[in-house]
Structures are given as C-alpha cells and as structure tokens.
Amino acid sequence: MSEATPAGDGQAVNWELTSFAGARREQLRRWSRLPLRQVILALEEMEELGKRLGSVPVPKV
C-alpha cells in the first residue's frame, strides 16, 4: 500500500496538490489548458459575481 486512496473513489491521492503551492500550480495548469474564450467568459462571470456579492449589505454584529 504505497499510496492512500479516498474512500469509495479508488483513485490515488496526489499529495503534491495538498499544499497551497501545489494547489496553486494545479489551478494555473488547468487555466492554461482552457481556450481563451472560456477564460474570458469565466473572468466575466467572476466579475459579475463579485459585483453582486459586493452589493449585499453585511449585517453588523
């Protein structure tokens, strides 16, 4: 048993992705594989979501 597997899915855990640096590298790798059109659409969606969330009043505690 050289690598741990998550319960039920049978795939080995890639421990390089479990650090902040590893997760960031994986995120950049996935973004770099997307076509430019999909990157632009995703950025526009994130911008719109940010605007909507920014306009929600935060209750004072």
N, C-alpha and C. Protein backbone atom coordinates (compact mmCIF):
# COMPACT_ATOMS: atom_id res chain seq x y z
N MET A 1 0.85 -1.18 0.00
CA MET A 1 0.00 0.00 0.00
C MET A 1 0.89 1.24 0.00
N SER A 2 1.27 1.67 -1.18
CA SER A 2 2.19 2.79 -1.28
C SER A 2 1.50 4.15 -1.30
N GLU A 3 0.26 4.21 -1.77
CA GLU A 3 -0.46 5.48 -1.83
C GLU A 3 -1.84 5.34 -1.19
N ALA A 4 -2.26 6.41 -0.52
CA ALA A 4 -3.58 6.41 0.10
C ALA A 4 -4.65 6.65 -0.95
N THR A 5 -5.81 6.07 -0.74
CA THR A 5 -6.94 6.30 -1.65
C THR A 5 -8.12 6.82 -0.85
N PRO A 6 -8.85 7.80 -1.38
CA PRO A 6 -10.04 8.28 -0.70
C PRO A 6 -11.11 7.19 -0.68
N ALA A 7 -11.94 7.24 0.31
CA ALA A 7 -12.99 6.23 0.46
C ALA A 7 -13.93 6.25 -0.74
N GLY A 8 -14.05 5.10 -1.38
CA GLY A 8 -15.07 4.95 -2.41
C GLY A 8 -14.69 5.30 -3.83
N ASP A 9 -13.68 6.14 -4.07
CA ASP A 9 -13.47 6.50 -5.47
C ASP A 9 -12.32 5.74 -6.12
N GLY A 10 -11.45 5.11 -5.36
CA GLY A 10 -10.43 4.24 -5.91
C GLY A 10 -9.26 4.93 -6.58
N GLN A 11 -9.21 6.26 -6.59
CA GLN A 11 -8.09 6.97 -7.20
C GLN A 11 -7.06 7.33 -6.13
N ALA A 12 -5.80 7.28 -6.51
CA ALA A 12 -4.72 7.63 -5.59
C ALA A 12 -4.72 9.13 -5.32
N VAL A 13 -4.34 9.51 -4.10
CA VAL A 13 -4.24 10.91 -3.73
C VAL A 13 -2.92 11.47 -4.26
N ASN A 14 -2.98 12.58 -4.95
CA ASN A 14 -1.77 13.26 -5.40
C ASN A 14 -1.37 14.24 -4.31
N TRP A 15 -0.42 13.85 -3.48
CA TRP A 15 -0.05 14.64 -2.31
C TRP A 15 0.61 15.96 -2.69
N GLU A 16 1.11 16.09 -3.92
CA GLU A 16 1.70 17.36 -4.35
C GLU A 16 0.64 18.46 -4.45
N LEU A 17 -0.62 18.09 -4.58
CA LEU A 17 -1.70 19.07 -4.71
C LEU A 17 -2.29 19.47 -3.37
N THR A 18 -1.81 18.90 -2.28
CA THR A 18 -2.41 19.16 -0.98
C THR A 18 -1.81 20.36 -0.27
N SER A 19 -0.78 20.98 -0.83
CA SER A 19 -0.21 22.19 -0.24
C SER A 19 -0.79 23.40 -0.98
N PHE A 20 -0.62 24.57 -0.40
CA PHE A 20 -1.10 25.78 -1.08
C PHE A 20 -0.37 25.97 -2.40
N ALA A 21 0.94 25.76 -2.40
CA ALA A 21 1.73 25.92 -3.63
C ALA A 21 1.30 24.89 -4.68
N GLY A 22 1.08 23.66 -4.26
CA GLY A 22 0.67 22.62 -5.19
C GLY A 22 -0.71 22.88 -5.76
N ALA A 23 -1.62 23.35 -4.92
CA ALA A 23 -2.97 23.66 -5.38
C ALA A 23 -2.94 24.83 -6.36
N ARG A 24 -2.08 25.81 -6.09
CA ARG A 24 -1.97 26.96 -7.00
C ARG A 24 -1.40 26.52 -8.35
N ARG A 25 -0.37 25.66 -8.33
CA ARG A 25 0.20 25.15 -9.58
C ARG A 25 -0.85 24.41 -10.39
N GLU A 26 -1.65 23.60 -9.72
CA GLU A 26 -2.70 22.85 -10.42
C GLU A 26 -3.75 23.79 -10.99
N GLN A 27 -4.11 24.82 -10.23
CA GLN A 27 -5.08 25.81 -10.72
C GLN A 27 -4.54 26.50 -11.98
N LEU A 28 -3.29 26.92 -11.95
CA LEU A 28 -2.69 27.57 -13.12
C LEU A 28 -2.59 26.61 -14.30
N ARG A 29 -2.27 25.35 -14.03
CA ARG A 29 -2.18 24.36 -15.10
C ARG A 29 -3.53 24.18 -15.78
N ARG A 30 -4.59 24.09 -14.97
CA ARG A 30 -5.93 23.92 -15.55
C ARG A 30 -6.37 25.15 -16.34
N TRP A 31 -6.11 26.35 -15.82
CA TRP A 31 -6.47 27.57 -16.53
C TRP A 31 -5.71 27.66 -17.85
N SER A 32 -4.44 27.25 -17.85
CA SER A 32 -3.64 27.37 -19.07
C SER A 32 -4.12 26.44 -20.18
N ARG A 33 -4.86 25.40 -19.83
CA ARG A 33 -5.37 24.46 -20.83
C ARG A 33 -6.69 24.93 -21.45
N LEU A 34 -7.33 25.94 -20.86
CA LEU A 34 -8.60 26.42 -21.38
C LEU A 34 -8.38 27.31 -22.61
N PRO A 35 -9.31 27.25 -23.55
CA PRO A 35 -9.26 28.18 -24.68
C PRO A 35 -9.49 29.61 -24.17
N LEU A 36 -8.95 30.59 -24.87
CA LEU A 36 -9.06 31.99 -24.45
C LEU A 36 -10.51 32.40 -24.25
N ARG A 37 -11.39 31.95 -25.10
CA ARG A 37 -12.82 32.30 -24.98
C ARG A 37 -13.39 31.86 -23.63
N GLN A 38 -13.05 30.66 -23.19
CA GLN A 38 -13.56 30.17 -21.90
C GLN A 38 -12.94 30.94 -20.74
N VAL A 39 -11.68 31.32 -20.85
CA VAL A 39 -11.04 32.10 -19.80
C VAL A 39 -11.74 33.45 -19.66
N ILE A 40 -12.00 34.11 -20.78
CA ILE A 40 -12.67 35.41 -20.75
C ILE A 40 -14.07 35.28 -20.17
N LEU A 41 -14.82 34.26 -20.57
CA LEU A 41 -16.17 34.05 -20.03
C LEU A 41 -16.13 33.81 -18.52
N ALA A 42 -15.18 33.01 -18.07
CA ALA A 42 -15.06 32.73 -16.64
C ALA A 42 -14.72 34.00 -15.86
N LEU A 43 -13.81 34.81 -16.39
CA LEU A 43 -13.45 36.06 -15.72
C LEU A 43 -14.64 37.02 -15.66
N GLU A 44 -15.42 37.08 -16.73
CA GLU A 44 -16.61 37.93 -16.73
C GLU A 44 -17.63 37.45 -15.71
N GLU A 45 -17.80 36.14 -15.60
CA GLU A 45 -18.74 35.59 -14.61
C GLU A 45 -18.26 35.90 -13.20
N MET A 46 -16.96 35.78 -12.95
CA MET A 46 -16.42 36.08 -11.61
C MET A 46 -16.57 37.57 -11.29
N GLU A 47 -16.39 38.43 -12.30
CA GLU A 47 -16.57 39.86 -12.09
C GLU A 47 -18.02 40.17 -11.71
N GLU A 48 -18.96 39.57 -12.43
CA GLU A 48 -20.38 39.78 -12.14
C GLU A 48 -20.73 39.28 -10.74
N LEU A 49 -20.23 38.12 -10.38
CA LEU A 49 -20.50 37.58 -9.05
C LEU A 49 -19.92 38.50 -7.97
N GLY A 50 -18.72 39.00 -8.20
CA GLY A 50 -18.10 39.93 -7.25
C GLY A 50 -18.92 41.19 -7.06
N LYS A 51 -19.47 41.70 -8.16
CA LYS A 51 -20.32 42.90 -8.07
C LYS A 51 -21.58 42.61 -7.27
N ARG A 52 -22.20 41.44 -7.55
CA ARG A 52 -23.43 41.09 -6.83
C ARG A 52 -23.16 40.88 -5.35
N LEU A 53 -22.09 40.19 -5.02
CA LEU A 53 -21.77 39.94 -3.62
C LEU A 53 -21.34 41.21 -2.91
N GLY A 54 -20.70 42.11 -3.64
CA GLY A 54 -20.26 43.37 -3.05
C GLY A 54 -21.41 44.31 -2.74
N SER A 55 -22.55 44.12 -3.39
CA SER A 55 -23.69 45.00 -3.16
C SER A 55 -24.61 44.49 -2.05
N VAL A 56 -24.32 43.31 -1.52
CA VAL A 56 -25.15 42.75 -0.44
C VAL A 56 -24.74 43.40 0.87
N PRO A 57 -25.69 44.01 1.60
CA PRO A 57 -25.33 44.63 2.87
C PRO A 57 -24.91 43.57 3.90
N VAL A 58 -23.86 43.88 4.63
CA VAL A 58 -23.35 42.96 5.65
C VAL A 58 -23.96 43.36 6.98
N PRO A 59 -24.63 42.42 7.68
CA PRO A 59 -25.23 42.77 8.98
C PRO A 59 -24.15 43.07 10.02
N LYS A 60 -24.38 44.10 10.81
CA LYS A 60 -23.44 44.47 11.87
C LYS A 60 -23.75 43.65 13.11
N VAL A 61 -22.69 43.16 13.71
CA VAL A 61 -22.86 42.30 14.90
C VAL A 61 -22.56 43.09 16.14
